[in-house]
Amino acid sequence: MDLKDFISQTLVQIAEGVSDSGARIKELGGAVNPHITSEHKELSRHGILWGSGSAVHVVSFDVALTVNSGTGTKGGIGIFAGAVNLGSSGESKAESSSVSRVSFTVPLILPYARS
């Protein structure tokens, strides 16, 4: 999986999860990501920013990029996230790999609860 696909799918799945859970949680009397009217200073204490007239959540990524090369294995870049390895793999008698970490954040405005 390419890094761009991993980032894209992660952000989309977060937004879809928030949106999909809204109806069920509303049935239970709650709300997912309701419109927040607190002061911007108070929001920032909880890791929420304010921009474009909406609460902006910061999604943090800490990704390990691995490069594998060796006989019998196609070289390529993979993503290692937690206990799941995404990317090319194969068996090889002589293999070398290098790991580089990249950390970054992406601001994300989540879908609001509908009244």
PDB file of N, CA and C in Angstrom:
ATOM      1  N   MET A   1       0.854  -1.171   0.000  1.00  0.00           N
ATOM      2  CA  MET A   1       0.000   0.000   0.000  1.00  0.00           C
ATOM      3  C   MET A   1       0.899   1.233   0.000  1.00  0.00           C
ATOM      4  N   ASP A   2       0.611   2.160  -0.862  1.00  0.00           N
ATOM      5  CA  ASP A   2       1.355   3.409  -0.904  1.00  0.00           C
ATOM      6  C   ASP A   2       0.991   4.272   0.297  1.00  0.00           C
ATOM      7  N   LEU A   3       1.928   5.112   0.698  1.00  0.00           N
ATOM      8  CA  LEU A   3       1.695   6.021   1.821  1.00  0.00           C
ATOM      9  C   LEU A   3       0.489   6.915   1.558  1.00  0.00           C
ATOM     10  N   LYS A   4       0.369   7.426   0.326  1.00  0.00           N
ATOM     11  CA  LYS A   4      -0.757   8.319   0.015  1.00  0.00           C
ATOM     12  C   LYS A   4      -2.084   7.587   0.159  1.00  0.00           C
ATOM     13  N   ASP A   5      -2.142   6.314  -0.229  1.00  0.00           N
ATOM     14  CA  ASP A   5      -3.373   5.537  -0.081  1.00  0.00           C
ATOM     15  C   ASP A   5      -3.689   5.289   1.393  1.00  0.00           C
ATOM     16  N   PHE A   6      -2.646   5.005   2.183  1.00  0.00           N
ATOM     17  CA  PHE A   6      -2.826   4.779   3.612  1.00  0.00           C
ATOM     18  C   PHE A   6      -3.392   6.029   4.287  1.00  0.00           C
ATOM     19  N   ILE A   7      -2.816   7.179   3.993  1.00  0.00           N
ATOM     20  CA  ILE A   7      -3.290   8.438   4.588  1.00  0.00           C
ATOM     21  C   ILE A   7      -4.717   8.721   4.146  1.00  0.00           C
ATOM     22  N   SER A   8      -4.969   8.607   2.856  1.00  0.00           N
ATOM     23  CA  SER A   8      -6.298   8.876   2.315  1.00  0.00           C
ATOM     24  C   SER A   8      -7.352   7.965   2.932  1.00  0.00           C
ATOM     25  N   GLN A   9      -7.077   6.673   2.952  1.00  0.00           N
ATOM     26  CA  GLN A   9      -8.056   5.714   3.491  1.00  0.00           C
ATOM     27  C   GLN A   9      -8.273   5.933   4.987  1.00  0.00           C
ATOM     28  N   THR A  10      -7.215   6.266   5.716  1.00  0.00           N
ATOM     29  CA  THR A  10      -7.354   6.507   7.153  1.00  0.00           C
ATOM     30  C   THR A  10      -8.261   7.701   7.418  1.00  0.00           C
ATOM     31  N   LEU A  11      -8.012   8.819   6.738  1.00  0.00           N
ATOM     32  CA  LEU A  11      -8.818  10.025   6.955  1.00  0.00           C
ATOM     33  C   LEU A  11     -10.270   9.818   6.529  1.00  0.00           C
ATOM     34  N   VAL A  12     -10.486   9.156   5.403  1.00  0.00           N
ATOM     35  CA  VAL A  12     -11.848   8.886   4.928  1.00  0.00           C
ATOM     36  C   VAL A  12     -12.576   7.962   5.909  1.00  0.00           C
ATOM     37  N   GLN A  13     -11.894   6.938   6.399  1.00  0.00           N
ATOM     38  CA  GLN A  13     -12.542   6.007   7.324  1.00  0.00           C
ATOM     39  C   GLN A  13     -12.862   6.664   8.662  1.00  0.00           C
ATOM     40  N   ILE A  14     -12.027   7.594   9.110  1.00  0.00           N
ATOM     41  CA  ILE A  14     -12.353   8.343  10.324  1.00  0.00           C
ATOM     42  C   ILE A  14     -13.634   9.140  10.110  1.00  0.00           C
ATOM     43  N   ALA A  15     -13.706   9.894   9.008  1.00  0.00           N
ATOM     44  CA  ALA A  15     -14.889  10.706   8.715  1.00  0.00           C
ATOM     45  C   ALA A  15     -16.125   9.838   8.516  1.00  0.00           C
ATOM     46  N   GLU A  16     -15.979   8.711   7.811  1.00  0.00           N
ATOM     47  CA  GLU A  16     -17.121   7.806   7.609  1.00  0.00           C
ATOM     48  C   GLU A  16     -17.579   7.198   8.930  1.00  0.00           C
ATOM     49  N   GLY A  17     -16.637   6.851   9.803  1.00  0.00           N
ATOM     50  CA  GLY A  17     -16.992   6.289  11.099  1.00  0.00           C
ATOM     51  C   GLY A  17     -17.763   7.277  11.945  1.00  0.00           C
ATOM     52  N   VAL A  18     -17.332   8.530  11.935  1.00  0.00           N
ATOM     53  CA  VAL A  18     -18.042   9.573  12.676  1.00  0.00           C
ATOM     54  C   VAL A  18     -19.441   9.762  12.091  1.00  0.00           C
ATOM     55  N   SER A  19     -19.536   9.833  10.784  1.00  0.00           N
ATOM     56  CA  SER A  19     -20.823  10.038  10.120  1.00  0.00           C
ATOM     57  C   SER A  19     -21.763   8.844  10.325  1.00  0.00           C
ATOM     58  N   ASP A  20     -21.252   7.635  10.127  1.00  0.00           N
ATOM     59  CA  ASP A  20     -22.080   6.430  10.244  1.00  0.00           C
ATOM     60  C   ASP A  20     -22.589   6.198  11.663  1.00  0.00           C
ATOM     61  N   SER A  21     -21.780   6.571  12.642  1.00  0.00           N
ATOM     62  CA  SER A  21     -22.188   6.331  14.026  1.00  0.00           C
ATOM     63  C   SER A  21     -23.204   7.352  14.530  1.00  0.00           C
ATOM     64  N   GLY A  22     -23.350   8.455  13.829  1.00  0.00           N
ATOM     65  CA  GLY A  22     -24.235   9.530  14.264  1.00  0.00           C
ATOM     66  C   GLY A  22     -25.676   9.118  14.481  1.00  0.00           C
ATOM     67  N   ALA A  23     -26.269   8.392  13.530  1.00  0.00           N
ATOM     68  CA  ALA A  23     -27.685   7.999  13.641  1.00  0.00           C
ATOM     69  C   ALA A  23     -27.908   7.069  14.831  1.00  0.00           C
ATOM     70  N   ARG A  24     -27.034   6.117  15.022  1.00  0.00           N
ATOM     71  CA  ARG A  24     -27.185   5.156  16.126  1.00  0.00           C
ATOM     72  C   ARG A  24     -27.038   5.843  17.477  1.00  0.00           C
ATOM     73  N   ILE A  25     -26.062   6.709  17.580  1.00  0.00           N
ATOM     74  CA  ILE A  25     -25.835   7.404  18.842  1.00  0.00           C
ATOM     75  C   ILE A  25     -26.971   8.392  19.117  1.00  0.00           C
ATOM     76  N   LYS A  26     -27.540   8.990  18.066  1.00  0.00           N
ATOM     77  CA  LYS A  26     -28.690   9.881  18.242  1.00  0.00           C
ATOM     78  C   LYS A  26     -29.869   9.101  18.827  1.00  0.00           C
ATOM     79  N   GLU A  27     -30.069   7.846  18.371  1.00  0.00           N
ATOM     80  CA  GLU A  27     -31.135   6.995  18.923  1.00  0.00           C
ATOM     81  C   GLU A  27     -30.939   6.769  20.423  1.00  0.00           C
ATOM     82  N   LEU A  28     -29.691   6.760  20.863  1.00  0.00           N
ATOM     83  CA  LEU A  28     -29.382   6.537  22.267  1.00  0.00           C
ATOM     84  C   LEU A  28     -29.422   7.830  23.086  1.00  0.00           C
ATOM     85  N   GLY A  29     -29.719   8.937  22.410  1.00  0.00           N
ATOM     86  CA  GLY A  29     -29.831  10.215  23.102  1.00  0.00           C
ATOM     87  C   GLY A  29     -28.564  11.045  23.108  1.00  0.00           C
ATOM     88  N   GLY A  30     -27.561  10.634  22.361  1.00  0.00           N
ATOM     89  CA  GLY A  30     -26.299  11.374  22.310  1.00  0.00           C
ATOM     90  C   GLY A  30     -26.091  12.026  20.959  1.00  0.00           C
ATOM     91  N   ALA A  31     -24.916  12.548  20.754  1.00  0.00           N
ATOM     92  CA  ALA A  31     -24.566  13.181  19.485  1.00  0.00           C
ATOM     93  C   ALA A  31     -23.072  12.980  19.232  1.00  0.00           C
ATOM     94  N   VAL A  32     -22.739  12.705  18.005  1.00  0.00           N
ATOM     95  CA  VAL A  32     -21.342  12.574  17.596  1.00  0.00           C
ATOM     96  C   VAL A  32     -20.910  13.890  16.969  1.00  0.00           C
ATOM     97  N   ASN A  33     -19.818  14.433  17.461  1.00  0.00           N
ATOM     98  CA  ASN A  33     -19.258  15.679  16.960  1.00  0.00           C
ATOM     99  C   ASN A  33     -20.309  16.785  16.831  1.00  0.00           C
ATOM    100  N   PRO A  34     -20.965  17.140  17.945  1.00  0.00           N
ATOM    101  CA  PRO A  34     -21.944  18.231  17.887  1.00  0.00           C
ATOM    102  C   PRO A  34     -21.240  19.563  17.665  1.00  0.00           C
ATOM    103  N   HIS A  35     -21.969  20.561  17.211  1.00  0.00           N
ATOM    104  CA  HIS A  35     -21.397  21.893  17.040  1.00  0.00           C
ATOM    105  C   HIS A  35     -20.971  22.406  18.410  1.00  0.00           C
ATOM    106  N   ILE A  36     -19.754  22.879  18.509  1.00  0.00           N
ATOM    107  CA  ILE A  36     -19.189  23.319  19.781  1.00  0.00           C
ATOM    108  C   ILE A  36     -19.233  24.840  19.856  1.00  0.00           C
ATOM    109  N   THR A  37     -19.700  25.338  20.980  1.00  0.00           N
ATOM    110  CA  THR A  37     -19.806  26.787  21.139  1.00  0.00           C
ATOM    111  C   THR A  37     -18.842  27.336  22.187  1.00  0.00           C
ATOM    112  N   SER A  38     -17.925  26.523  22.682  1.00  0.00           N
ATOM    113  CA  SER A  38     -16.947  26.975  23.670  1.00  0.00           C
ATOM    114  C   SER A  38     -15.981  27.980  23.050  1.00  0.00           C
ATOM    115  N   GLU A  39     -15.303  28.706  23.918  1.00  0.00           N
ATOM    116  CA  GLU A  39     -14.289  29.637  23.447  1.00  0.00           C
ATOM    117  C   GLU A  39     -13.150  28.865  22.775  1.00  0.00           C
ATOM    118  N   HIS A  40     -12.543  29.494  21.810  1.00  0.00           N
ATOM    119  CA  HIS A  40     -11.463  28.844  21.059  1.00  0.00           C
ATOM    120  C   HIS A  40     -10.315  28.467  21.987  1.00  0.00           C
ATOM    121  N   LYS A  41     -10.041  29.284  22.993  1.00  0.00           N
ATOM    122  CA  LYS A  41      -8.961  28.996  23.937  1.00  0.00           C
ATOM    123  C   LYS A  41      -9.248  27.704  24.702  1.00  0.00           C
ATOM    124  N   GLU A  42     -10.493  27.521  25.100  1.00  0.00           N
ATOM    125  CA  GLU A  42     -10.891  26.303  25.825  1.00  0.00           C
ATOM    126  C   GLU A  42     -10.779  25.077  24.913  1.00  0.00           C
ATOM    127  N   LEU A  43     -11.179  25.207  23.664  1.00  0.00           N
ATOM    128  CA  LEU A  43     -11.085  24.091  22.719  1.00  0.00           C
ATOM    129  C   LEU A  43      -9.632  23.651  22.538  1.00  0.00           C
ATOM    130  N   SER A  44      -8.722  24.600  22.441  1.00  0.00           N
ATOM    131  CA  SER A  44      -7.324  24.256  22.193  1.00  0.00           C
ATOM    132  C   SER A  44      -6.728  23.471  23.355  1.00  0.00           C
ATOM    133  N   ARG A  45      -7.258  23.631  24.542  1.00  0.00           N
ATOM    134  CA  ARG A  45      -6.782  22.837  25.685  1.00  0.00           C
ATOM    135  C   ARG A  45      -7.088  21.361  25.506  1.00  0.00           C
ATOM    136  N   HIS A  46      -8.053  21.050  24.669  1.00  0.00           N
ATOM    137  CA  HIS A  46      -8.460  19.665  24.419  1.00  0.00           C
ATOM    138  C   HIS A  46      -7.977  19.163  23.056  1.00  0.00           C
ATOM    139  N   GLY A  47      -7.053  19.903  22.453  1.00  0.00           N
ATOM    140  CA  GLY A  47      -6.473  19.482  21.184  1.00  0.00           C
ATOM    141  C   GLY A  47      -7.360  19.767  19.985  1.00  0.00           C
ATOM    142  N   ILE A  48      -8.340  20.663  20.160  1.00  0.00           N
ATOM    143  CA  ILE A  48      -9.239  21.016  19.063  1.00  0.00           C
ATOM    144  C   ILE A  48      -8.942  22.458  18.664  1.00  0.00           C
ATOM    145  N   LEU A  49      -8.750  22.682  17.393  1.00  0.00           N
ATOM    146  CA  LEU A  49      -8.492  24.019  16.874  1.00  0.00           C
ATOM    147  C   LEU A  49      -9.769  24.571  16.261  1.00  0.00           C
ATOM    148  N   TRP A  50      -9.761  25.832  15.875  1.00  0.00           N
ATOM    149  CA  TRP A  50     -10.917  26.448  15.238  1.00  0.00           C
ATOM    150  C   TRP A  50     -10.473  27.040  13.919  1.00  0.00           C
ATOM    151  N   GLY A  51     -11.149  26.689  12.833  1.00  0.00           N
ATOM    152  CA  GLY A  51     -10.815  27.222  11.523  1.00  0.00           C
ATOM    153  C   GLY A  51     -11.962  27.041  10.560  1.00  0.00           C
ATOM    154  N   SER A  52     -12.107  27.959   9.655  1.00  0.00           N
ATOM    155  CA  SER A  52     -13.184  27.911   8.648  1.00  0.00           C
ATOM    156  C   SER A  52     -14.552  27.813   9.306  1.00  0.00           C
ATOM    157  N   GLY A  53     -14.707  28.393  10.500  1.00  0.00           N
ATOM    158  CA  GLY A  53     -15.994  28.382  11.188  1.00  0.00           C
ATOM    159  C   GLY A  53     -16.369  27.032  11.783  1.00  0.00           C
ATOM    160  N   SER A  54     -15.396  26.135  11.923  1.00  0.00           N
ATOM    161  CA  SER A  54     -15.667  24.786  12.428  1.00  0.00           C
ATOM    162  C   SER A  54     -14.555  24.331  13.364  1.00  0.00           C
ATOM    163  N   ALA A  55     -14.894  23.344  14.191  1.00  0.00           N
ATOM    164  CA  ALA A  55     -13.882  22.707  15.029  1.00  0.00           C
ATOM    165  C   ALA A  55     -12.975  21.870  14.125  1.00  0.00           C
ATOM    166  N   VAL A  56     -11.689  21.991  14.334  1.00  0.00           N
ATOM    167  CA  VAL A  56     -10.715  21.267  13.531  1.00  0.00           C
ATOM    168  C   VAL A  56      -9.964  20.299  14.455  1.00  0.00           C
ATOM    169  N   HIS A  57     -10.071  19.020  14.161  1.00  0.00           N
ATOM    170  CA  HIS A  57      -9.381  17.995  14.927  1.00  0.00           C
ATOM    171  C   HIS A  57      -8.057  17.698  14.243  1.00  0.00           C
ATOM    172  N   VAL A  58      -7.042  17.448  15.038  1.00  0.00           N
ATOM    173  CA  VAL A  58      -5.723  17.176  14.483  1.00  0.00           C
ATOM    174  C   VAL A  58      -5.481  15.670  14.540  1.00  0.00           C
ATOM    175  N   VAL A  59      -5.308  15.068  13.375  1.00  0.00           N
ATOM    176  CA  VAL A  59      -5.015  13.637  13.282  1.00  0.00           C
ATOM    177  C   VAL A  59      -3.503  13.494  13.166  1.00  0.00           C
ATOM    178  N   SER A  60      -2.919  12.770  14.112  1.00  0.00           N
ATOM    179  CA  SER A  60      -1.469  12.580  14.120  1.00  0.00           C
ATOM    180  C   SER A  60      -1.119  11.228  13.508  1.00  0.00           C
ATOM    181  N   PHE A  61      -0.129  11.238  12.642  1.00  0.00           N
ATOM    182  CA  PHE A  61       0.389  10.020  12.036  1.00  0.00           C
ATOM    183  C   PHE A  61       1.837   9.837  12.478  1.00  0.00           C
ATOM    184  N   ASP A  62       2.204   8.621  12.797  1.00  0.00           N
ATOM    185  CA  ASP A  62       3.587   8.245  13.059  1.00  0.00           C
ATOM    186  C   ASP A  62       3.784   6.940  12.297  1.00  0.00           C
ATOM    187  N   VAL A  63       4.381   7.036  11.133  1.00  0.00           N
ATOM    188  CA  VAL A  63       4.436   5.916  10.202  1.00  0.00           C
ATOM    189  C   VAL A  63       5.873   5.467  10.002  1.00  0.00           C
ATOM    190  N   ALA A  64       6.088   4.159  10.007  1.00  0.00           N
ATOM    191  CA  ALA A  64       7.391   3.592   9.685  1.00  0.00           C
ATOM    192  C   ALA A  64       7.356   3.132   8.229  1.00  0.00           C
ATOM    193  N   LEU A  65       8.275   3.649   7.445  1.00  0.00           N
ATOM    194  CA  LEU A  65       8.390   3.257   6.038  1.00  0.00           C
ATOM    195  C   LEU A  65       9.542   2.273   5.929  1.00  0.00           C
ATOM    196  N   THR A  66       9.268   1.121   5.336  1.00  0.00           N
ATOM    197  CA  THR A  66      10.315   0.114   5.195  1.00  0.00           C
ATOM    198  C   THR A  66      10.649  -0.088   3.728  1.00  0.00           C
ATOM    199  N   VAL A  67      11.915  -0.268   3.447  1.00  0.00           N
ATOM    200  CA  VAL A  67      12.381  -0.582   2.105  1.00  0.00           C
ATOM    201  C   VAL A  67      13.050  -1.944   2.196  1.00  0.00           C
ATOM    202  N   ASN A  68      12.546  -2.921   1.457  1.00  0.00           N
ATOM    203  CA  ASN A  68      13.107  -4.277   1.443  1.00  0.00           C
ATOM    204  C   ASN A  68      13.727  -4.557   0.086  1.00  0.00           C
ATOM    205  N   SER A  69      14.870  -5.202   0.094  1.00  0.00           N
ATOM    206  CA  SER A  69      15.466  -5.647  -1.165  1.00  0.00           C
ATOM    207  C   SER A  69      16.214  -6.944  -0.907  1.00  0.00           C
ATOM    208  N   GLY A  70      16.225  -7.795  -1.904  1.00  0.00           N
ATOM    209  CA  GLY A  70      16.923  -9.066  -1.779  1.00  0.00           C
ATOM    210  C   GLY A  70      16.541  -9.970  -2.924  1.00  0.00           C
ATOM    211  N   THR A  71      17.179 -11.121  -3.005  1.00  0.00           N
ATOM    212  CA  THR A  71      16.873 -12.061  -4.074  1.00  0.00           C
ATOM    213  C   THR A  71      15.506 -12.683  -3.818  1.00  0.00           C
ATOM    214  N   GLY A  72      14.733 -12.800  -4.850  1.00  0.00           N
ATOM    215  CA  GLY A  72      13.415 -13.420  -4.737  1.00  0.00           C
ATOM    216  C   GLY A  72      12.350 -12.485  -4.200  1.00  0.00           C
ATOM    217  N   THR A  73      12.717 -11.270  -3.903  1.00  0.00           N
ATOM    218  CA  THR A  73      11.755 -10.309  -3.369  1.00  0.00           C
ATOM    219  C   THR A  73      11.804  -9.059  -4.223  1.00  0.00           C
ATOM    220  N   LYS A  74      10.661  -8.540  -4.571  1.00  0.00           N
ATOM    221  CA  LYS A  74      10.617  -7.275  -5.276  1.00  0.00           C
ATOM    222  C   LYS A  74      10.919  -6.179  -4.275  1.00  0.00           C
ATOM    223  N   GLY A  75      11.777  -5.270  -4.661  1.00  0.00           N
ATOM    224  CA  GLY A  75      12.057  -4.126  -3.800  1.00  0.00           C
ATOM    225  C   GLY A  75      10.858  -3.203  -3.805  1.00  0.00           C
ATOM    226  N   GLY A  76      10.679  -2.488  -2.743  1.00  0.00           N
ATOM    227  CA  GLY A  76       9.571  -1.553  -2.691  1.00  0.00           C
ATOM    228  C   GLY A  76       9.456  -0.952  -1.314  1.00  0.00           C
ATOM    229  N   ILE A  77       8.535  -0.045  -1.203  1.00  0.00           N
ATOM    230  CA  ILE A  77       8.299   0.625   0.064  1.00  0.00           C
ATOM    231  C   ILE A  77       6.995   0.106   0.639  1.00  0.00           C
ATOM    232  N   GLY A  78       7.002  -0.182   1.919  1.00  0.00           N
ATOM    233  CA  GLY A  78       5.799  -0.618   2.609  1.00  0.00           C
ATOM    234  C   GLY A  78       5.577   0.252   3.828  1.00  0.00           C
ATOM    235  N   ILE A  79       4.410   0.132   4.405  1.00  0.00           N
ATOM    236  CA  ILE A  79       4.062   0.899   5.593  1.00  0.00           C
ATOM    237  C   ILE A  79       3.880  -0.072   6.734  1.00  0.00           C
ATOM    238  N   PHE A  80       4.519   0.215   7.850  1.00  0.00           N
ATOM    239  CA  PHE A  80       4.342  -0.595   9.045  1.00  0.00           C
ATOM    240  C   PHE A  80       3.630   0.260  10.071  1.00  0.00           C
ATOM    241  N   ALA A  81       2.398  -0.114  10.389  1.00  0.00           N
ATOM    242  CA  ALA A  81       1.603   0.638  11.363  1.00  0.00           C
ATOM    243  C   ALA A  81       1.195  -0.317  12.468  1.00  0.00           C
ATOM    244  N   GLY A  82       1.774  -0.152  13.634  1.00  0.00           N
ATOM    245  CA  GLY A  82       1.450  -1.044  14.744  1.00  0.00           C
ATOM    246  C   GLY A  82       1.877  -2.454  14.429  1.00  0.00           C
ATOM    247  N   ALA A  83       0.955  -3.404  14.582  1.00  0.00           N
ATOM    248  CA  ALA A  83       1.273  -4.809  14.345  1.00  0.00           C
ATOM    249  C   ALA A  83       0.921  -5.242  12.932  1.00  0.00           C
ATOM    250  N   VAL A  84       0.546  -4.316  12.065  1.00  0.00           N
ATOM    251  CA  VAL A  84       0.134  -4.664  10.712  1.00  0.00           C
ATOM    252  C   VAL A  84       1.167  -4.142   9.734  1.00  0.00           C
ATOM    253  N   ASN A  85       1.666  -5.014   8.877  1.00  0.00           N
ATOM    254  CA  ASN A  85       2.630  -4.614   7.872  1.00  0.00           C
ATOM    255  C   ASN A  85       1.918  -4.550   6.533  1.00  0.00           C
ATOM    256  N   LEU A  86       1.903  -3.384   5.935  1.00  0.00           N
ATOM    257  CA  LEU A  86       1.267  -3.195   4.642  1.00  0.00           C
ATOM    258  C   LEU A  86       2.360  -2.932   3.622  1.00  0.00           C
ATOM    259  N   GLY A  87       2.372  -3.674   2.527  1.00  0.00           N
ATOM    260  CA  GLY A  87       3.382  -3.441   1.511  1.00  0.00           C
ATOM    261  C   GLY A  87       3.858  -4.730   0.891  1.00  0.00           C
ATOM    262  N   SER A  88       4.929  -4.642   0.123  1.00  0.00           N
ATOM    263  CA  SER A  88       5.431  -5.832  -0.551  1.00  0.00           C
ATOM    264  C   SER A  88       6.167  -6.714   0.434  1.00  0.00           C
ATOM    265  N   SER A  89       6.062  -8.002   0.227  1.00  0.00           N
ATOM    266  CA  SER A  89       6.803  -8.937   1.066  1.00  0.00           C
ATOM    267  C   SER A  89       7.063 -10.192   0.252  1.00  0.00           C
ATOM    268  N   GLY A  90       7.959 -10.983   0.703  1.00  0.00           N
ATOM    269  CA  GLY A  90       8.279 -12.219   0.017  1.00  0.00           C
ATOM    270  C   GLY A  90       9.391 -12.925   0.753  1.00  0.00           C
ATOM    271  N   GLU A  91       9.656 -14.161   0.350  1.00  0.00           N
ATOM    272  CA  GLU A  91      10.729 -14.915   0.992  1.00  0.00           C
ATOM    273  C   GLU A  91      12.022 -14.675   0.239  1.00  0.00           C
ATOM    274  N   SER A  92      13.074 -14.587   0.981  1.00  0.00           N
ATOM    275  CA  SER A  92      14.366 -14.364   0.372  1.00  0.00           C
ATOM    276  C   SER A  92      15.453 -14.901   1.292  1.00  0.00           C
ATOM    277  N   LYS A  93      16.527 -15.412   0.688  1.00  0.00           N
ATOM    278  CA  LYS A  93      17.651 -15.891   1.487  1.00  0.00           C
ATOM    279  C   LYS A  93      18.553 -14.722   1.884  1.00  0.00           C
ATOM    280  N   ALA A  94      18.685 -13.774   1.015  1.00  0.00           N
ATOM    281  CA  ALA A  94      19.521 -12.609   1.303  1.00  0.00           C
ATOM    282  C   ALA A  94      18.653 -11.366   1.159  1.00  0.00           C
ATOM    283  N   GLU A  95      18.328 -10.756   2.268  1.00  0.00           N
ATOM    284  CA  GLU A  95      17.441  -9.596   2.221  1.00  0.00           C
ATOM    285  C   GLU A  95      17.989  -8.503   3.125  1.00  0.00           C
ATOM    286  N   SER A  96      17.878  -7.294   2.655  1.00  0.00           N
ATOM    287  CA  SER A  96      18.234  -6.162   3.502  1.00  0.00           C
ATOM    288  C   SER A  96      17.038  -5.216   3.538  1.00  0.00           C
ATOM    289  N   SER A  97      16.903  -4.535   4.640  1.00  0.00           N
ATOM    290  CA  SER A  97      15.804  -3.591   4.744  1.00  0.00           C
ATOM    291  C   SER A  97      16.254  -2.391   5.555  1.00  0.00           C
ATOM    292  N   SER A  98      15.613  -1.289   5.307  1.00  0.00           N
ATOM    293  CA  SER A  98      15.861  -0.092   6.096  1.00  0.00           C
ATOM    294  C   SER A  98      14.507   0.500   6.477  1.00  0.00           C
ATOM    295  N   VAL A  99      14.476   1.087   7.642  1.00  0.00           N
ATOM    296  CA  VAL A  99      13.234   1.657   8.152  1.00  0.00           C
ATOM    297  C   VAL A  99      13.455   3.135   8.408  1.00  0.00           C
ATOM    298  N   SER A 100      12.540   3.937   7.916  1.00  0.00           N
ATOM    299  CA  SER A 100      12.546   5.371   8.184  1.00  0.00           C
ATOM    300  C   SER A 100      11.196   5.722   8.781  1.00  0.00           C
ATOM    301  N   ARG A 101      11.204   6.583   9.764  1.00  0.00           N
ATOM    302  CA  ARG A 101       9.958   7.007  10.402  1.00  0.00           C
ATOM    303  C   ARG A 101       9.620   8.401   9.914  1.00  0.00           C
ATOM    304  N   VAL A 102       8.344   8.649   9.750  1.00  0.00           N
ATOM    305  CA  VAL A 102       7.865   9.977   9.402  1.00  0.00           C
ATOM    306  C   VAL A 102       6.666  10.272  10.297  1.00  0.00           C
ATOM    307  N   SER A 103       6.682  11.427  10.914  1.00  0.00           N
ATOM    308  CA  SER A 103       5.587  11.852  11.779  1.00  0.00           C
ATOM    309  C   SER A 103       5.037  13.168  11.248  1.00  0.00           C
ATOM    310  N   PHE A 104       3.719  13.286  11.210  1.00  0.00           N
ATOM    311  CA  PHE A 104       3.088  14.510  10.733  1.00  0.00           C
ATOM    312  C   PHE A 104       1.653  14.552  11.228  1.00  0.00           C
ATOM    313  N   THR A 105       1.043  15.710  11.123  1.00  0.00           N
ATOM    314  CA  THR A 105      -0.353  15.866  11.519  1.00  0.00           C
ATOM    315  C   THR A 105      -1.150  16.409  10.343  1.00  0.00           C
ATOM    316  N   VAL A 106      -2.429  16.080  10.347  1.00  0.00           N
ATOM    317  CA  VAL A 106      -3.337  16.558   9.309  1.00  0.00           C
ATOM    318  C   VAL A 106      -4.567  17.142  10.002  1.00  0.00           C
ATOM    319  N   PRO A 107      -4.861  18.426   9.785  1.00  0.00           N
ATOM    320  CA  PRO A 107      -6.087  18.996  10.340  1.00  0.00           C
ATOM    321  C   PRO A 107      -7.291  18.410   9.601  1.00  0.00           C
ATOM    322  N   LEU A 108      -8.345  18.095  10.359  1.00  0.00           N
ATOM    323  CA  LEU A 108      -9.519  17.452   9.763  1.00  0.00           C
ATOM    324  C   LEU A 108     -10.782  18.020  10.390  1.00  0.00           C
ATOM    325  N   ILE A 109     -11.694  18.506   9.562  1.00  0.00           N
ATOM    326  CA  ILE A 109     -13.014  18.931  10.034  1.00  0.00           C
ATOM    327  C   ILE A 109     -13.931  17.737   9.833  1.00  0.00           C
ATOM    328  N   LEU A 110     -14.476  17.231  10.929  1.00  0.00           N
ATOM    329  CA  LEU A 110     -15.351  16.053  10.884  1.00  0.00           C
ATOM    330  C   LEU A 110     -16.784  16.467  10.580  1.00  0.00           C
ATOM    331  N   PRO A 111     -17.579  15.542  10.027  1.00  0.00           N
ATOM    332  CA  PRO A 111     -18.987  15.853   9.785  1.00  0.00           C
ATOM    333  C   PRO A 111     -19.690  16.116  11.107  1.00  0.00           C
ATOM    334  N   TYR A 112     -20.537  17.140  11.134  1.00  0.00           N
ATOM    335  CA  TYR A 112     -21.283  17.483  12.349  1.00  0.00           C
ATOM    336  C   TYR A 112     -22.528  16.627  12.495  1.00  0.00           C
ATOM    337  N   ALA A 113     -22.972  16.488  13.749  1.00  0.00           N
ATOM    338  CA  ALA A 113     -24.234  15.800  14.037  1.00  0.00           C
ATOM    339  C   ALA A 113     -25.354  16.615  13.417  1.00  0.00           C
ATOM    340  N   ARG A 114     -26.280  15.921  12.810  1.00  0.00           N
ATOM    341  CA  ARG A 114     -27.451  16.597  12.220  1.00  0.00           C
ATOM    342  C   ARG A 114     -28.591  16.571  13.220  1.00  0.00           C
ATOM    343  N   SER A 115     -29.243  17.709  13.348  1.00  0.00           N
ATOM    344  CA  SER A 115     -30.360  17.801  14.311  1.00  0.00           C
ATOM    345  C   SER A 115     -31.578  17.069  13.820  1.00  0.00           C
TER     346      SER A 115
END
